[in-house]
Amino acid sequence: MKSNPILEEVWRIKDQLAAEAGYDVDKFFDNLRKWSDEHPHKGPIVRNAEELRRLVEEEERRRGEHSALSLKESPSKHGHD
């Protein structure tokens, strides 16, 4: 079986967090809630593929508008419009 570095990292972190909680599931979730309170999520929450698609489309649209505005606002190098 081929190794998967992403899964290996997830398992390593899982083992580390479990050890920090003394392998006590209640303590683990207490630690998780505390960390979550100290590090509030600032971005959008994506619950499914359709939400992700819409989020990506919106971001691409925003980038396109910003890029177009930048081009329109820049003076030409030759003094012409």
Protein backbone atom coordinates (compact mmCIF):
# COMPACT_ATOMS: atom_id res chain seq x y z
CA MET A 1 0.00 0.00 0.00
CA LYS A 2 1.30 3.43 -0.91
CA SER A 3 1.83 5.92 1.85
CA ASN A 4 -0.35 9.01 1.91
CA PRO A 5 1.46 11.98 3.50
CA ILE A 6 -1.78 13.88 4.11
CA LEU A 7 -3.37 11.01 6.03
CA GLU A 8 -0.16 10.40 7.93
CA GLU A 9 -0.13 14.05 9.03
CA VAL A 10 -3.79 13.90 10.10
CA TRP A 11 -3.12 10.73 12.11
CA ARG A 12 -0.03 12.30 13.71
CA ILE A 13 -2.01 15.36 14.78
CA LYS A 14 -4.90 13.19 16.01
CA ASP A 15 -2.49 11.19 18.14
CA GLN A 16 -0.90 14.37 19.51
CA LEU A 17 -4.28 15.90 20.43
CA ALA A 18 -5.45 12.65 22.02
CA ALA A 19 -2.27 12.48 24.12
CA GLU A 20 -2.71 16.11 25.22
CA ALA A 21 -6.21 15.20 26.45
CA GLY A 22 -4.92 12.10 28.25
CA TYR A 23 -6.94 9.98 25.78
CA ASP A 24 -10.11 11.27 27.50
CA VAL A 25 -12.78 12.10 24.92
CA ASP A 26 -14.52 14.62 27.21
CA LYS A 27 -11.24 16.44 27.84
CA PHE A 28 -10.51 16.30 24.08
CA PHE A 29 -13.79 18.09 23.28
CA ASP A 30 -13.26 20.58 26.12
CA ASN A 31 -9.88 21.41 24.57
CA LEU A 32 -11.48 21.68 21.13
CA ARG A 33 -14.17 24.10 22.39
CA LYS A 34 -11.56 26.21 24.18
CA TRP A 35 -9.38 26.39 21.05
CA SER A 36 -12.43 27.22 18.93
CA ASP A 37 -13.41 30.07 21.27
CA GLU A 38 -9.86 31.45 21.17
CA HIS A 39 -9.64 31.17 17.36
CA PRO A 40 -13.02 32.16 15.89
CA HIS A 41 -13.62 31.26 12.26
CA LYS A 42 -13.65 34.39 10.10
CA GLY A 43 -14.35 32.95 6.67
CA PRO A 44 -17.41 31.42 5.08
CA ILE A 45 -18.56 27.96 6.12
CA VAL A 46 -18.97 25.59 3.18
CA ARG A 47 -21.34 22.68 3.80
CA ASN A 48 -21.43 21.02 0.38
CA ALA A 49 -20.02 21.05 -3.15
CA GLU A 50 -22.70 23.44 -4.46
CA GLU A 51 -21.86 26.04 -1.80
CA LEU A 52 -18.18 25.67 -2.65
CA ARG A 53 -18.92 26.15 -6.37
CA ARG A 54 -20.90 29.33 -5.65
CA LEU A 55 -18.17 30.65 -3.37
CA VAL A 56 -15.49 30.05 -6.02
CA GLU A 57 -17.62 31.65 -8.75
CA GLU A 58 -18.25 34.71 -6.58
CA GLU A 59 -14.54 35.04 -5.77
CA GLU A 60 -13.62 34.74 -9.45
CA ARG A 61 -16.24 37.38 -10.33
CA ARG A 62 -14.86 39.73 -7.66
CA ARG A 63 -11.30 39.24 -8.88
CA GLY A 64 -12.41 39.94 -12.45
CA GLU A 65 -14.16 43.15 -11.42
CA HIS A 66 -11.15 44.28 -9.42
CA SER A 67 -8.82 43.53 -12.31
CA ALA A 68 -11.05 45.40 -14.78
CA LEU A 69 -11.24 48.40 -12.45
CA SER A 70 -7.49 48.45 -12.08
CA LEU A 71 -7.04 48.52 -15.82
CA LYS A 72 -9.60 51.30 -16.32
CA GLU A 73 -8.09 53.48 -13.62
CA SER A 74 -4.49 53.21 -14.81
CA PRO A 75 -3.27 55.99 -17.10
CA SER A 76 -1.94 54.89 -20.44
CA LYS A 77 1.82 54.99 -20.98
CA HIS A 78 1.47 57.24 -24.02
CA GLY A 79 -1.01 59.71 -22.62
CA HIS A 80 -3.85 58.30 -24.75
CA ASP A 81 -7.05 56.63 -23.60
